[in-house]
Amino acid sequence: MTENGSAAASVPLLVVDGANVVGSVPDGWWRDRQGAAERLRDRLAAYAEPGLPGLPGPVEVVLVVEGAARGVAPVAGVRVEAAPGSGDDRIVELVEQAAGRSVLVVTADRELRRRVTRRGAEVTGPRTVRG
């Protein structure tokens, strides 16, 4: 139990920059941004229980989407956060809200990497979850 009474708060948090990860491979994602984000969401569900190398499971998986992908629904094992504005700003907010937890952010965005590491998060690139 954590001080706020939630055992879930001790579970590591995996935050995925949906636009950055989807955009990391030129596979036609721009023709169907929501579909591309849904395919990523479905792949991410596989990490909820086992975790990732260096981040043992279970983990709380959060996919941050923006723009045309805002309509993506959550699935078992993946919470979807639709950023009202900048996805990067929402990711920073999530990292700040997770103070005291182990947080891994998946992105290749250099500025976002700098912002979240200054707030205590670890960072890995899109290949980690692209399969």
N, C-alpha and C. Protein backbone atom coordinates (compact mmCIF):
# COMPACT_ATOMS: atom_id res chain seq x y z
N MET A 1 0.83 -1.18 0.00
CA MET A 1 0.00 0.00 0.00
C MET A 1 0.88 1.24 0.00
N THR A 2 0.50 2.22 -0.73
CA THR A 2 1.24 3.47 -0.75
C THR A 2 0.59 4.46 0.21
N GLU A 3 1.21 5.62 0.38
CA GLU A 3 0.66 6.56 1.34
C GLU A 3 -0.72 7.07 0.94
N ASN A 4 -1.06 7.02 -0.34
CA ASN A 4 -2.41 7.45 -0.73
C ASN A 4 -3.39 6.28 -0.69
N GLY A 5 -2.91 5.12 -0.21
CA GLY A 5 -3.79 3.98 -0.03
C GLY A 5 -3.99 3.14 -1.27
N SER A 6 -3.27 3.40 -2.33
CA SER A 6 -3.45 2.67 -3.57
C SER A 6 -2.25 1.80 -3.87
N ALA A 7 -2.46 0.48 -3.93
CA ALA A 7 -1.38 -0.42 -4.30
C ALA A 7 -0.96 -0.19 -5.74
N ALA A 8 -1.90 0.29 -6.58
CA ALA A 8 -1.59 0.53 -8.00
C ALA A 8 -0.51 1.59 -8.17
N ALA A 9 -0.38 2.51 -7.22
CA ALA A 9 0.62 3.57 -7.34
C ALA A 9 2.04 3.03 -7.34
N SER A 10 2.24 1.80 -6.84
CA SER A 10 3.58 1.22 -6.84
C SER A 10 3.89 0.50 -8.15
N VAL A 11 2.89 0.35 -9.00
CA VAL A 11 3.08 -0.31 -10.29
C VAL A 11 3.77 0.68 -11.23
N PRO A 12 4.83 0.25 -11.93
CA PRO A 12 5.49 1.17 -12.86
C PRO A 12 4.53 1.67 -13.94
N LEU A 13 4.82 2.88 -14.42
CA LEU A 13 3.98 3.52 -15.42
C LEU A 13 4.73 3.58 -16.74
N LEU A 14 4.11 3.08 -17.79
CA LEU A 14 4.64 3.13 -19.15
C LEU A 14 3.79 4.11 -19.94
N VAL A 15 4.37 5.25 -20.34
CA VAL A 15 3.65 6.29 -21.07
C VAL A 15 4.17 6.31 -22.50
N VAL A 16 3.28 6.14 -23.46
CA VAL A 16 3.68 6.03 -24.86
C VAL A 16 3.19 7.26 -25.63
N ASP A 17 4.14 7.92 -26.29
CA ASP A 17 3.87 9.07 -27.17
C ASP A 17 3.33 8.50 -28.48
N GLY A 18 2.00 8.37 -28.56
CA GLY A 18 1.38 7.71 -29.69
C GLY A 18 1.76 8.28 -31.03
N ALA A 19 1.70 9.60 -31.18
CA ALA A 19 2.01 10.23 -32.47
C ALA A 19 3.45 9.95 -32.88
N ASN A 20 4.36 10.00 -31.93
CA ASN A 20 5.76 9.80 -32.24
C ASN A 20 6.05 8.35 -32.61
N VAL A 21 5.47 7.42 -31.85
CA VAL A 21 5.71 6.00 -32.13
C VAL A 21 5.08 5.60 -33.45
N VAL A 22 3.83 6.01 -33.68
CA VAL A 22 3.16 5.69 -34.95
C VAL A 22 3.94 6.29 -36.12
N GLY A 23 4.40 7.52 -35.95
CA GLY A 23 5.11 8.21 -37.01
C GLY A 23 6.53 7.75 -37.24
N SER A 24 7.01 6.83 -36.42
CA SER A 24 8.40 6.38 -36.54
C SER A 24 8.63 5.41 -37.70
N VAL A 25 7.56 4.90 -38.28
CA VAL A 25 7.67 3.98 -39.40
C VAL A 25 6.74 4.47 -40.52
N PRO A 26 7.27 4.71 -41.71
CA PRO A 26 6.45 5.22 -42.80
C PRO A 26 5.64 4.11 -43.47
N ASP A 27 4.58 3.67 -42.77
CA ASP A 27 3.79 2.55 -43.25
C ASP A 27 2.40 2.97 -43.74
N GLY A 28 2.24 4.26 -44.04
CA GLY A 28 0.94 4.77 -44.49
C GLY A 28 0.04 5.23 -43.37
N TRP A 29 0.56 5.35 -42.16
CA TRP A 29 -0.24 5.74 -41.01
C TRP A 29 -1.01 7.04 -41.24
N TRP A 30 -0.48 7.93 -42.06
CA TRP A 30 -1.10 9.25 -42.28
C TRP A 30 -2.44 9.15 -43.00
N ARG A 31 -2.70 8.00 -43.64
CA ARG A 31 -3.99 7.83 -44.30
C ARG A 31 -5.10 7.46 -43.31
N ASP A 32 -4.72 6.93 -42.16
CA ASP A 32 -5.69 6.52 -41.15
C ASP A 32 -5.03 6.63 -39.77
N ARG A 33 -4.95 7.84 -39.27
CA ARG A 33 -4.26 8.08 -38.00
C ARG A 33 -4.92 7.35 -36.83
N GLN A 34 -6.24 7.34 -36.81
CA GLN A 34 -6.92 6.65 -35.72
C GLN A 34 -6.67 5.14 -35.81
N GLY A 35 -6.75 4.57 -36.99
CA GLY A 35 -6.48 3.14 -37.15
C GLY A 35 -5.07 2.78 -36.76
N ALA A 36 -4.11 3.63 -37.11
CA ALA A 36 -2.72 3.37 -36.74
C ALA A 36 -2.56 3.41 -35.22
N ALA A 37 -3.21 4.37 -34.57
CA ALA A 37 -3.14 4.45 -33.10
C ALA A 37 -3.83 3.25 -32.45
N GLU A 38 -4.91 2.77 -33.05
CA GLU A 38 -5.59 1.58 -32.51
C GLU A 38 -4.70 0.34 -32.64
N ARG A 39 -3.99 0.22 -33.74
CA ARG A 39 -3.07 -0.93 -33.89
C ARG A 39 -1.95 -0.86 -32.86
N LEU A 40 -1.44 0.34 -32.61
CA LEU A 40 -0.41 0.50 -31.57
C LEU A 40 -0.99 0.15 -30.21
N ARG A 41 -2.17 0.66 -29.91
CA ARG A 41 -2.83 0.36 -28.63
C ARG A 41 -2.95 -1.15 -28.42
N ASP A 42 -3.34 -1.85 -29.47
CA ASP A 42 -3.51 -3.30 -29.36
C ASP A 42 -2.18 -4.01 -29.10
N ARG A 43 -1.10 -3.52 -29.71
CA ARG A 43 0.23 -4.10 -29.45
C ARG A 43 0.66 -3.82 -28.01
N LEU A 44 0.35 -2.63 -27.53
CA LEU A 44 0.76 -2.24 -26.17
C LEU A 44 0.10 -3.10 -25.10
N ALA A 45 -1.11 -3.59 -25.36
CA ALA A 45 -1.81 -4.41 -24.37
C ALA A 45 -0.98 -5.63 -23.97
N ALA A 46 -0.15 -6.10 -24.86
CA ALA A 46 0.68 -7.28 -24.57
C ALA A 46 1.74 -7.00 -23.51
N TYR A 47 2.02 -5.74 -23.20
CA TYR A 47 3.07 -5.39 -22.23
C TYR A 47 2.52 -5.17 -20.82
N ALA A 48 1.22 -5.09 -20.65
CA ALA A 48 0.64 -4.76 -19.35
C ALA A 48 1.05 -5.74 -18.25
N GLU A 49 1.00 -7.01 -18.51
CA GLU A 49 1.36 -8.00 -17.49
C GLU A 49 2.87 -8.28 -17.41
N PRO A 50 3.53 -8.63 -18.53
CA PRO A 50 4.95 -8.98 -18.42
C PRO A 50 5.87 -7.78 -18.31
N GLY A 51 5.44 -6.60 -18.75
CA GLY A 51 6.31 -5.43 -18.76
C GLY A 51 7.24 -5.45 -19.96
N LEU A 52 8.34 -4.73 -19.81
CA LEU A 52 9.36 -4.61 -20.87
C LEU A 52 10.71 -4.93 -20.26
N PRO A 53 11.72 -5.18 -21.10
CA PRO A 53 13.07 -5.35 -20.54
C PRO A 53 13.45 -4.12 -19.71
N GLY A 54 13.85 -4.33 -18.49
CA GLY A 54 14.21 -3.24 -17.61
C GLY A 54 13.02 -2.62 -16.87
N LEU A 55 11.81 -3.04 -17.20
CA LEU A 55 10.61 -2.55 -16.53
C LEU A 55 9.67 -3.75 -16.34
N PRO A 56 9.96 -4.54 -15.32
CA PRO A 56 9.16 -5.76 -15.11
C PRO A 56 7.71 -5.45 -14.77
N GLY A 57 6.84 -6.33 -15.23
CA GLY A 57 5.41 -6.16 -15.03
C GLY A 57 4.95 -6.63 -13.69
N PRO A 58 3.70 -6.38 -13.40
CA PRO A 58 2.77 -5.67 -14.28
C PRO A 58 3.09 -4.18 -14.34
N VAL A 59 2.71 -3.55 -15.44
CA VAL A 59 2.89 -2.11 -15.61
C VAL A 59 1.55 -1.49 -16.00
N GLU A 60 1.39 -0.22 -15.65
CA GLU A 60 0.23 0.53 -16.10
C GLU A 60 0.62 1.17 -17.43
N VAL A 61 -0.09 0.82 -18.49
CA VAL A 61 0.22 1.32 -19.83
C VAL A 61 -0.73 2.46 -20.18
N VAL A 62 -0.14 3.60 -20.57
CA VAL A 62 -0.94 4.76 -20.97
C VAL A 62 -0.48 5.19 -22.36
N LEU A 63 -1.40 5.20 -23.29
CA LEU A 63 -1.15 5.67 -24.65
C LEU A 63 -1.71 7.08 -24.77
N VAL A 64 -0.85 8.04 -25.09
CA VAL A 64 -1.29 9.42 -25.26
C VAL A 64 -1.49 9.69 -26.75
N VAL A 65 -2.71 10.10 -27.10
CA VAL A 65 -3.04 10.38 -28.49
C VAL A 65 -3.47 11.83 -28.62
N GLU A 66 -3.38 12.34 -29.84
CA GLU A 66 -3.76 13.72 -30.11
C GLU A 66 -4.30 13.82 -31.52
N GLY A 67 -4.86 14.97 -31.85
CA GLY A 67 -5.34 15.22 -33.21
C GLY A 67 -6.38 14.20 -33.66
N ALA A 68 -6.20 13.71 -34.89
CA ALA A 68 -7.16 12.79 -35.50
C ALA A 68 -7.27 11.46 -34.78
N ALA A 69 -6.33 11.15 -33.90
CA ALA A 69 -6.37 9.88 -33.16
C ALA A 69 -7.09 10.00 -31.82
N ARG A 70 -7.66 11.15 -31.53
CA ARG A 70 -8.32 11.35 -30.22
C ARG A 70 -9.49 10.40 -29.97
N GLY A 71 -10.05 9.79 -30.99
CA GLY A 71 -11.20 8.91 -30.80
C GLY A 71 -10.85 7.48 -30.41
N VAL A 72 -9.59 7.19 -30.18
CA VAL A 72 -9.17 5.83 -29.83
C VAL A 72 -9.68 5.48 -28.43
N ALA A 73 -10.34 4.34 -28.33
CA ALA A 73 -10.89 3.88 -27.04
C ALA A 73 -9.86 3.03 -26.29
N PRO A 74 -9.98 2.97 -24.98
CA PRO A 74 -9.10 2.09 -24.21
C PRO A 74 -9.47 0.63 -24.43
N VAL A 75 -8.54 -0.26 -24.11
CA VAL A 75 -8.78 -1.70 -24.10
C VAL A 75 -8.20 -2.24 -22.80
N ALA A 76 -8.52 -3.47 -22.48
CA ALA A 76 -7.96 -4.07 -21.28
C ALA A 76 -6.44 -3.97 -21.31
N GLY A 77 -5.88 -3.38 -20.28
CA GLY A 77 -4.43 -3.26 -20.17
C GLY A 77 -3.85 -1.96 -20.70
N VAL A 78 -4.66 -1.16 -21.40
CA VAL A 78 -4.15 0.11 -21.95
C VAL A 78 -5.16 1.23 -21.70
N ARG A 79 -4.74 2.22 -20.94
CA ARG A 79 -5.52 3.44 -20.76
C ARG A 79 -5.15 4.40 -21.89
N VAL A 80 -6.12 5.03 -22.49
CA VAL A 80 -5.86 5.98 -23.56
C VAL A 80 -6.17 7.38 -23.04
N GLU A 81 -5.19 8.27 -23.16
CA GLU A 81 -5.36 9.67 -22.78
C GLU A 81 -5.40 10.50 -24.05
N ALA A 82 -6.53 11.12 -24.33
CA ALA A 82 -6.67 11.99 -25.49
C ALA A 82 -6.25 13.40 -25.07
N ALA A 83 -5.12 13.84 -25.56
CA ALA A 83 -4.61 15.16 -25.19
C ALA A 83 -5.52 16.24 -25.78
N PRO A 84 -5.99 17.17 -24.96
CA PRO A 84 -6.84 18.24 -25.49
C PRO A 84 -6.06 19.21 -26.37
N GLY A 85 -4.76 19.26 -26.17
CA GLY A 85 -3.88 20.13 -26.96
C GLY A 85 -2.67 19.32 -27.38
N SER A 86 -1.53 19.72 -26.89
CA SER A 86 -0.28 19.05 -27.21
C SER A 86 -0.16 17.71 -26.48
N GLY A 87 0.12 16.67 -27.24
CA GLY A 87 0.37 15.38 -26.63
C GLY A 87 1.59 15.42 -25.72
N ASP A 88 2.61 16.15 -26.13
CA ASP A 88 3.82 16.27 -25.31
C ASP A 88 3.50 16.88 -23.95
N ASP A 89 2.68 17.93 -23.94
CA ASP A 89 2.32 18.56 -22.67
C ASP A 89 1.55 17.59 -21.78
N ARG A 90 0.68 16.79 -22.36
CA ARG A 90 -0.08 15.80 -21.56
C ARG A 90 0.86 14.76 -20.98
N ILE A 91 1.86 14.33 -21.77
CA ILE A 91 2.82 13.34 -21.27
C ILE A 91 3.60 13.91 -20.09
N VAL A 92 4.02 15.16 -20.19
CA VAL A 92 4.73 15.81 -19.08
C VAL A 92 3.83 15.85 -17.84
N GLU A 93 2.56 16.19 -18.02
CA GLU A 93 1.62 16.20 -16.90
C GLU A 93 1.52 14.83 -16.24
N LEU A 94 1.43 13.78 -17.06
CA LEU A 94 1.34 12.42 -16.51
C LEU A 94 2.58 12.06 -15.71
N VAL A 95 3.74 12.45 -16.21
CA VAL A 95 4.99 12.19 -15.48
C VAL A 95 4.98 12.94 -14.15
N GLU A 96 4.55 14.19 -14.16
CA GLU A 96 4.50 14.97 -12.92
C GLU A 96 3.52 14.35 -11.93
N GLN A 97 2.39 13.86 -12.41
CA GLN A 97 1.39 13.25 -11.53
C GLN A 97 1.87 11.93 -10.95
N ALA A 98 2.85 11.32 -11.58
CA ALA A 98 3.36 10.01 -11.14
C ALA A 98 4.58 10.14 -10.23
N ALA A 99 4.80 11.29 -9.67
CA ALA A 99 5.96 11.51 -8.80
C ALA A 99 6.06 10.38 -7.77
N GLY A 100 7.25 9.82 -7.66
CA GLY A 100 7.48 8.73 -6.72
C GLY A 100 7.33 7.35 -7.34
N ARG A 101 6.80 7.28 -8.54
CA ARG A 101 6.65 6.00 -9.24
C ARG A 101 7.76 5.85 -10.26
N SER A 102 8.02 4.63 -10.65
CA SER A 102 8.91 4.37 -11.77
C SER A 102 8.13 4.65 -13.04
N VAL A 103 8.69 5.54 -13.91
CA VAL A 103 8.01 5.93 -15.13
C VAL A 103 8.95 5.76 -16.31
N LEU A 104 8.47 5.11 -17.35
CA LEU A 104 9.20 4.97 -18.60
C LEU A 104 8.36 5.59 -19.70
N VAL A 105 8.94 6.57 -20.42
CA VAL A 105 8.26 7.24 -21.52
C VAL A 105 8.85 6.73 -22.82
N VAL A 106 7.99 6.35 -23.75
CA VAL A 106 8.42 5.87 -25.06
C VAL A 106 8.24 7.00 -26.07
N THR A 107 9.36 7.52 -26.57
CA THR A 107 9.34 8.59 -27.57
C THR A 107 10.74 8.74 -28.16
N ALA A 108 10.80 9.32 -29.35
CA ALA A 108 12.08 9.69 -29.94
C ALA A 108 12.22 11.20 -30.01
N ASP A 109 11.22 11.91 -29.51
CA ASP A 109 11.21 13.37 -29.54
C ASP A 109 12.24 13.91 -28.54
N ARG A 110 13.27 14.57 -29.05
CA ARG A 110 14.37 15.04 -28.19
C ARG A 110 13.92 16.02 -27.12
N GLU A 111 13.08 16.97 -27.50
CA GLU A 111 12.62 17.96 -26.52
C GLU A 111 11.77 17.30 -25.45
N LEU A 112 10.88 16.39 -25.84
CA LEU A 112 10.06 15.70 -24.85
C LEU A 112 10.94 14.84 -23.95
N ARG A 113 11.93 14.18 -24.51
CA ARG A 113 12.87 13.38 -23.70
C ARG A 113 13.51 14.25 -22.63
N ARG A 114 13.94 15.45 -23.02
CA ARG A 114 14.57 16.36 -22.07
C ARG A 114 13.58 16.76 -20.97
N ARG A 115 12.38 17.09 -21.37
CA ARG A 115 11.38 17.54 -20.40
C ARG A 115 11.03 16.47 -19.38
N VAL A 116 10.85 15.23 -19.82
CA VAL A 116 10.43 14.18 -18.87
C VAL A 116 11.59 13.66 -18.02
N THR A 117 12.79 13.63 -18.58
CA THR A 117 13.93 13.16 -17.75
C THR A 117 14.22 14.17 -16.65
N ARG A 118 14.00 15.45 -16.92
CA ARG A 118 14.17 16.47 -15.87
C ARG A 118 13.16 16.27 -14.75
N ARG A 119 12.10 15.54 -15.02
CA ARG A 119 11.07 15.29 -14.01
C ARG A 119 11.17 13.87 -13.44
N GLY A 120 12.27 13.19 -13.75
CA GLY A 120 12.54 11.89 -13.12
C GLY A 120 12.17 10.65 -13.91
N ALA A 121 11.63 10.81 -15.12
CA ALA A 121 11.25 9.64 -15.92
C ALA A 121 12.46 9.09 -16.67
N GLU A 122 12.39 7.82 -16.98
CA GLU A 122 13.33 7.18 -17.89
C GLU A 122 12.72 7.28 -19.29
N VAL A 123 13.55 7.14 -20.32
CA VAL A 123 13.05 7.25 -21.69
C VAL A 123 13.64 6.14 -22.54
N THR A 124 12.82 5.63 -23.45
CA THR A 124 13.28 4.66 -24.44
C THR A 124 12.66 5.03 -25.78
N GLY A 125 13.23 4.49 -26.85
CA GLY A 125 12.76 4.82 -28.19
C GLY A 125 11.61 3.95 -28.65
N PRO A 126 11.00 4.33 -29.77
CA PRO A 126 9.84 3.62 -30.31
C PRO A 126 10.07 2.14 -30.62
N ARG A 127 11.27 1.77 -30.97
CA ARG A 127 11.52 0.34 -31.29
C ARG A 127 11.17 -0.58 -30.13
N THR A 128 11.24 -0.07 -28.93
CA THR A 128 10.93 -0.87 -27.75
C THR A 128 9.53 -1.46 -27.82
N VAL A 129 8.60 -0.74 -28.41
CA VAL A 129 7.21 -1.20 -28.46
C VAL A 129 6.69 -1.44 -29.88
N ARG A 130 7.49 -1.19 -30.87
CA ARG A 130 7.03 -1.38 -32.25
C ARG A 130 7.02 -2.84 -32.68
N GLY A 131 7.74 -3.67 -31.95
CA GLY A 131 7.72 -5.11 -32.27
C GLY A 131 8.63 -5.50 -33.39
